[in-house]
Amino acid sequence: MSWDKQFERRAWLGAIDSSSTPFTAMRSALAAEVMRLAMLKSDNRILQFPYIEIERQIRIERSLAISAFVRDALCTIARWLRILALRGVRLVRDLAAERSRRKAVVELQRFDDRSLADMGVTRGEIEFVVRNGRPRHLGQTADARPKQPSSAKAAA
């Protein structure tokens, strides 16, 4: 169809008025075509994905969710294992310290009363002294303490 026939047809349909020149009609037709192409490009309809693409997207999202869950679970397990290890080490240290304290108590109980008195400890205070140390007032040595009169001198 020639240009003149298209112009006449559009004029007859009323798209452009018949008094316009062929150049103006061509410019109007070009503008209408540009507008139609622009409208096609800015189509805002939701795209229809094929079923395979939707299934692929679902598998990707499921994989991401599972990996995030596994990562969080492993972090939690690692944190609990660290706490368990630290408490285990503390327990072993406490048991070793308790064993050495009991050993010291047994060794001190083997001494006779005179040796314990030279150390400034009575037999009833042995466990307290081993666990807590000697009180300050007992911290003095036997030489620094004031001497008490012996029973033999007091009788004389």
C-alpha atoms as a PDB file:
ATOM      1  CA  MET A   1       0.000   0.000   0.000  1.00  0.00           C
ATOM      2  CA  SER A   2       1.465   3.328  -0.946  1.00  0.00           C
ATOM      3  CA  TRP A   3       1.865   6.272   1.324  1.00  0.00           C
ATOM      4  CA  ASP A   4      -0.923   8.257  -0.292  1.00  0.00           C
ATOM      5  CA  LYS A   5      -3.408   5.436   0.130  1.00  0.00           C
ATOM      6  CA  GLN A   6      -2.518   5.053   3.835  1.00  0.00           C
ATOM      7  CA  PHE A   7      -2.937   8.790   4.300  1.00  0.00           C
ATOM      8  CA  GLU A   8      -6.327   8.738   2.620  1.00  0.00           C
ATOM      9  CA  ARG A   9      -7.455   5.777   4.649  1.00  0.00           C
ATOM     10  CA  ARG A  10      -6.457   7.409   7.939  1.00  0.00           C
ATOM     11  CA  ALA A  11      -8.049  10.653   6.882  1.00  0.00           C
ATOM     12  CA  TRP A  12     -11.218   8.826   6.040  1.00  0.00           C
ATOM     13  CA  LEU A  13     -11.201   7.123   9.455  1.00  0.00           C
ATOM     14  CA  GLY A  14     -10.658  10.461  11.126  1.00  0.00           C
ATOM     15  CA  ALA A  15      -7.233   9.638  12.607  1.00  0.00           C
ATOM     16  CA  ILE A  16      -5.846  12.821  11.137  1.00  0.00           C
ATOM     17  CA  ASP A  17      -7.757  15.612   9.546  1.00  0.00           C
ATOM     18  CA  SER A  18      -7.735  15.863   5.771  1.00  0.00           C
ATOM     19  CA  SER A  19      -6.239  19.333   5.692  1.00  0.00           C
ATOM     20  CA  SER A  20      -2.864  18.138   7.052  1.00  0.00           C
ATOM     21  CA  THR A  21       0.020  17.603   4.729  1.00  0.00           C
ATOM     22  CA  PRO A  22       1.550  14.220   4.062  1.00  0.00           C
ATOM     23  CA  PHE A  23       4.656  15.248   6.097  1.00  0.00           C
ATOM     24  CA  THR A  24       2.528  16.051   9.173  1.00  0.00           C
ATOM     25  CA  ALA A  25       0.627  12.815   8.728  1.00  0.00           C
ATOM     26  CA  MET A  26       3.879  10.890   8.505  1.00  0.00           C
ATOM     27  CA  ARG A  27       5.140  12.569  11.683  1.00  0.00           C
ATOM     28  CA  SER A  28       1.894  11.732  13.482  1.00  0.00           C
ATOM     29  CA  ALA A  29       2.032   8.123  12.299  1.00  0.00           C
ATOM     30  CA  LEU A  30       5.642   7.870  13.432  1.00  0.00           C
ATOM     31  CA  ALA A  31       4.734   9.323  16.839  1.00  0.00           C
ATOM     32  CA  ALA A  32       1.877   6.816  17.144  1.00  0.00           C
ATOM     33  CA  GLU A  33       4.229   3.938  16.283  1.00  0.00           C
ATOM     34  CA  VAL A  34       6.837   5.142  18.815  1.00  0.00           C
ATOM     35  CA  MET A  35       4.107   5.377  21.433  1.00  0.00           C
ATOM     36  CA  ARG A  36       2.916   1.850  20.642  1.00  0.00           C
ATOM     37  CA  LEU A  37       6.458   0.463  20.954  1.00  0.00           C
ATOM     38  CA  ALA A  38       7.015   2.349  24.204  1.00  0.00           C
ATOM     39  CA  MET A  39       3.821   0.891  25.613  1.00  0.00           C
ATOM     40  CA  LEU A  40       4.974  -2.593  24.669  1.00  0.00           C
ATOM     41  CA  LYS A  41       8.292  -2.060  26.418  1.00  0.00           C
ATOM     42  CA  SER A  42       6.697  -0.812  29.643  1.00  0.00           C
ATOM     43  CA  ASP A  43       4.317  -3.729  29.954  1.00  0.00           C
ATOM     44  CA  ASN A  44       3.848  -4.310  33.688  1.00  0.00           C
ATOM     45  CA  ARG A  45       2.146  -7.654  33.484  1.00  0.00           C
ATOM     46  CA  ILE A  46       3.429 -10.481  35.665  1.00  0.00           C
ATOM     47  CA  LEU A  47       5.599 -12.722  33.572  1.00  0.00           C
ATOM     48  CA  GLN A  48       4.457 -16.289  33.223  1.00  0.00           C
ATOM     49  CA  PHE A  49       7.328 -18.602  34.139  1.00  0.00           C
ATOM     50  CA  PRO A  50       7.349 -22.091  32.823  1.00  0.00           C
ATOM     51  CA  TYR A  51       6.849 -24.816  35.429  1.00  0.00           C
ATOM     52  CA  ILE A  52      10.503 -25.879  35.271  1.00  0.00           C
ATOM     53  CA  GLU A  53      11.699 -22.364  36.132  1.00  0.00           C
ATOM     54  CA  ILE A  54       9.309 -22.154  39.092  1.00  0.00           C
ATOM     55  CA  GLU A  55      10.485 -25.552  40.330  1.00  0.00           C
ATOM     56  CA  ARG A  56      14.118 -24.447  39.970  1.00  0.00           C
ATOM     57  CA  GLN A  57      13.456 -21.293  42.015  1.00  0.00           C
ATOM     58  CA  ILE A  58      11.716 -23.348  44.725  1.00  0.00           C
ATOM     59  CA  ARG A  59      14.658 -25.755  44.894  1.00  0.00           C
ATOM     60  CA  ILE A  60      17.120 -22.864  45.211  1.00  0.00           C
ATOM     61  CA  GLU A  61      15.104 -21.245  48.029  1.00  0.00           C
ATOM     62  CA  ARG A  62      14.695 -24.588  49.815  1.00  0.00           C
ATOM     63  CA  SER A  63      18.435 -25.219  49.538  1.00  0.00           C
ATOM     64  CA  LEU A  64      19.193 -21.773  50.998  1.00  0.00           C
ATOM     65  CA  ALA A  65      16.766 -22.324  53.877  1.00  0.00           C
ATOM     66  CA  ILE A  66      18.207 -25.758  54.673  1.00  0.00           C
ATOM     67  CA  SER A  67      21.791 -24.484  54.553  1.00  0.00           C
ATOM     68  CA  ALA A  68      20.896 -21.587  56.889  1.00  0.00           C
ATOM     69  CA  PHE A  69      19.250 -24.027  59.322  1.00  0.00           C
ATOM     70  CA  VAL A  70      22.229 -26.400  59.233  1.00  0.00           C
ATOM     71  CA  ARG A  71      24.650 -23.496  59.752  1.00  0.00           C
ATOM     72  CA  ASP A  72      22.695 -22.271  62.789  1.00  0.00           C
ATOM     73  CA  ALA A  73      22.441 -25.802  64.207  1.00  0.00           C
ATOM     74  CA  LEU A  74      26.184 -26.373  63.803  1.00  0.00           C
ATOM     75  CA  CYS A  75      26.980 -23.025  65.443  1.00  0.00           C
ATOM     76  CA  THR A  76      24.750 -23.918  68.384  1.00  0.00           C
ATOM     77  CA  ILE A  77      26.318 -27.365  68.708  1.00  0.00           C
ATOM     78  CA  ALA A  78      29.812 -25.838  68.558  1.00  0.00           C
ATOM     79  CA  ARG A  79      28.882 -23.341  71.282  1.00  0.00           C
ATOM     80  CA  TRP A  80      27.533 -26.126  73.538  1.00  0.00           C
ATOM     81  CA  LEU A  81      30.622 -28.270  72.909  1.00  0.00           C
ATOM     82  CA  ARG A  82      32.854 -25.348  73.862  1.00  0.00           C
ATOM     83  CA  ILE A  83      30.910 -24.817  77.101  1.00  0.00           C
ATOM     84  CA  LEU A  84      31.035 -28.552  77.827  1.00  0.00           C
ATOM     85  CA  ALA A  85      34.800 -28.662  77.216  1.00  0.00           C
ATOM     86  CA  LEU A  86      35.445 -25.630  79.426  1.00  0.00           C
ATOM     87  CA  ARG A  87      33.359 -27.053  82.248  1.00  0.00           C
ATOM     88  CA  GLY A  88      35.083 -30.418  81.845  1.00  0.00           C
ATOM     89  CA  VAL A  89      38.487 -28.765  82.176  1.00  0.00           C
ATOM     90  CA  ARG A  90      37.276 -26.867  85.245  1.00  0.00           C
ATOM     91  CA  LEU A  91      35.949 -30.101  86.765  1.00  0.00           C
ATOM     92  CA  VAL A  92      39.257 -31.899  86.190  1.00  0.00           C
ATOM     93  CA  ARG A  93      41.184 -29.006  87.766  1.00  0.00           C
ATOM     94  CA  ASP A  94      38.835 -28.900  90.756  1.00  0.00           C
ATOM     95  CA  LEU A  95      39.145 -32.657  91.249  1.00  0.00           C
ATOM     96  CA  ALA A  96      42.957 -32.443  91.073  1.00  0.00           C
ATOM     97  CA  ALA A  97      42.977 -29.612  93.619  1.00  0.00           C
ATOM     98  CA  GLU A  98      40.655 -31.554  95.938  1.00  0.00           C
ATOM     99  CA  ARG A  99      42.877 -34.624  95.640  1.00  0.00           C
ATOM    100  CA  SER A 100      45.969 -32.620  96.575  1.00  0.00           C
ATOM    101  CA  ARG A 101      44.117 -31.076  99.558  1.00  0.00           C
ATOM    102  CA  ARG A 102      43.065 -34.515 100.814  1.00  0.00           C
ATOM    103  CA  LYS A 103      46.623 -35.735 100.401  1.00  0.00           C
ATOM    104  CA  ALA A 104      47.876 -32.778 102.483  1.00  0.00           C
ATOM    105  CA  VAL A 105      45.263 -33.500 105.181  1.00  0.00           C
ATOM    106  CA  VAL A 106      46.358 -37.153 105.371  1.00  0.00           C
ATOM    107  CA  GLU A 107      50.037 -36.149 105.570  1.00  0.00           C
ATOM    108  CA  LEU A 108      49.365 -33.647 108.366  1.00  0.00           C
ATOM    109  CA  GLN A 109      47.315 -36.195 110.294  1.00  0.00           C
ATOM    110  CA  ARG A 110      50.322 -38.513 110.339  1.00  0.00           C
ATOM    111  CA  PHE A 111      52.279 -35.990 112.424  1.00  0.00           C
ATOM    112  CA  ASP A 112      52.203 -36.300 116.181  1.00  0.00           C
ATOM    113  CA  ASP A 113      50.558 -33.633 118.367  1.00  0.00           C
ATOM    114  CA  ARG A 114      53.890 -32.028 119.331  1.00  0.00           C
ATOM    115  CA  SER A 115      54.920 -31.499 115.668  1.00  0.00           C
ATOM    116  CA  LEU A 116      51.497 -30.033 114.895  1.00  0.00           C
ATOM    117  CA  ALA A 117      51.812 -27.723 117.921  1.00  0.00           C
ATOM    118  CA  ASP A 118      55.205 -26.577 116.602  1.00  0.00           C
ATOM    119  CA  MET A 119      53.436 -25.627 113.371  1.00  0.00           C
ATOM    120  CA  GLY A 120      50.751 -23.831 115.359  1.00  0.00           C
ATOM    121  CA  VAL A 121      47.935 -26.208 114.380  1.00  0.00           C
ATOM    122  CA  THR A 122      45.865 -28.564 116.476  1.00  0.00           C
ATOM    123  CA  ARG A 123      44.618 -31.888 115.171  1.00  0.00           C
ATOM    124  CA  GLY A 124      41.056 -30.526 114.881  1.00  0.00           C
ATOM    125  CA  GLU A 125      42.182 -27.566 112.746  1.00  0.00           C
ATOM    126  CA  ILE A 126      44.083 -29.581 110.121  1.00  0.00           C
ATOM    127  CA  GLU A 127      41.341 -29.721 107.487  1.00  0.00           C
ATOM    128  CA  PHE A 128      40.337 -26.081 108.032  1.00  0.00           C
ATOM    129  CA  VAL A 129      43.962 -24.930 107.703  1.00  0.00           C
ATOM    130  CA  VAL A 130      44.518 -26.974 104.538  1.00  0.00           C
ATOM    131  CA  ARG A 131      41.356 -25.682 102.849  1.00  0.00           C
ATOM    132  CA  ASN A 132      41.378 -22.046 104.057  1.00  0.00           C
ATOM    133  CA  GLY A 133      44.892 -21.301 105.283  1.00  0.00           C
ATOM    134  CA  ARG A 134      45.872 -20.267 108.761  1.00  0.00           C
ATOM    135  CA  PRO A 135      44.070 -17.314 110.345  1.00  0.00           C
ATOM    136  CA  ARG A 136      46.170 -14.180 110.874  1.00  0.00           C
ATOM    137  CA  HIS A 137      46.421 -14.555 114.606  1.00  0.00           C
ATOM    138  CA  LEU A 138      47.824 -18.063 114.068  1.00  0.00           C
ATOM    139  CA  GLY A 139      50.201 -16.836 111.390  1.00  0.00           C
ATOM    140  CA  GLN A 140      52.893 -16.059 113.951  1.00  0.00           C
ATOM    141  CA  THR A 141      55.680 -18.571 114.345  1.00  0.00           C
ATOM    142  CA  ALA A 142      56.139 -20.495 117.544  1.00  0.00           C
ATOM    143  CA  ASP A 143      59.194 -18.357 118.460  1.00  0.00           C
ATOM    144  CA  ALA A 144      57.304 -15.098 118.099  1.00  0.00           C
ATOM    145  CA  ARG A 145      54.439 -16.188 120.359  1.00  0.00           C
ATOM    146  CA  PRO A 146      54.571 -15.276 124.013  1.00  0.00           C
ATOM    147  CA  LYS A 147      55.761 -18.232 126.002  1.00  0.00           C
ATOM    148  CA  GLN A 148      53.339 -19.731 128.427  1.00  0.00           C
ATOM    149  CA  PRO A 149      54.600 -21.134 131.693  1.00  0.00           C
ATOM    150  CA  SER A 150      54.959 -24.876 131.527  1.00  0.00           C
ATOM    151  CA  SER A 151      53.085 -27.006 134.040  1.00  0.00           C
ATOM    152  CA  ALA A 152      56.358 -28.128 135.690  1.00  0.00           C
ATOM    153  CA  LYS A 153      57.439 -24.546 136.440  1.00  0.00           C
ATOM    154  CA  ALA A 154      53.986 -23.598 137.641  1.00  0.00           C
ATOM    155  CA  ALA A 155      53.962 -26.458 140.126  1.00  0.00           C
ATOM    156  CA  ALA A 156      57.309 -25.426 141.580  1.00  0.00           C
END
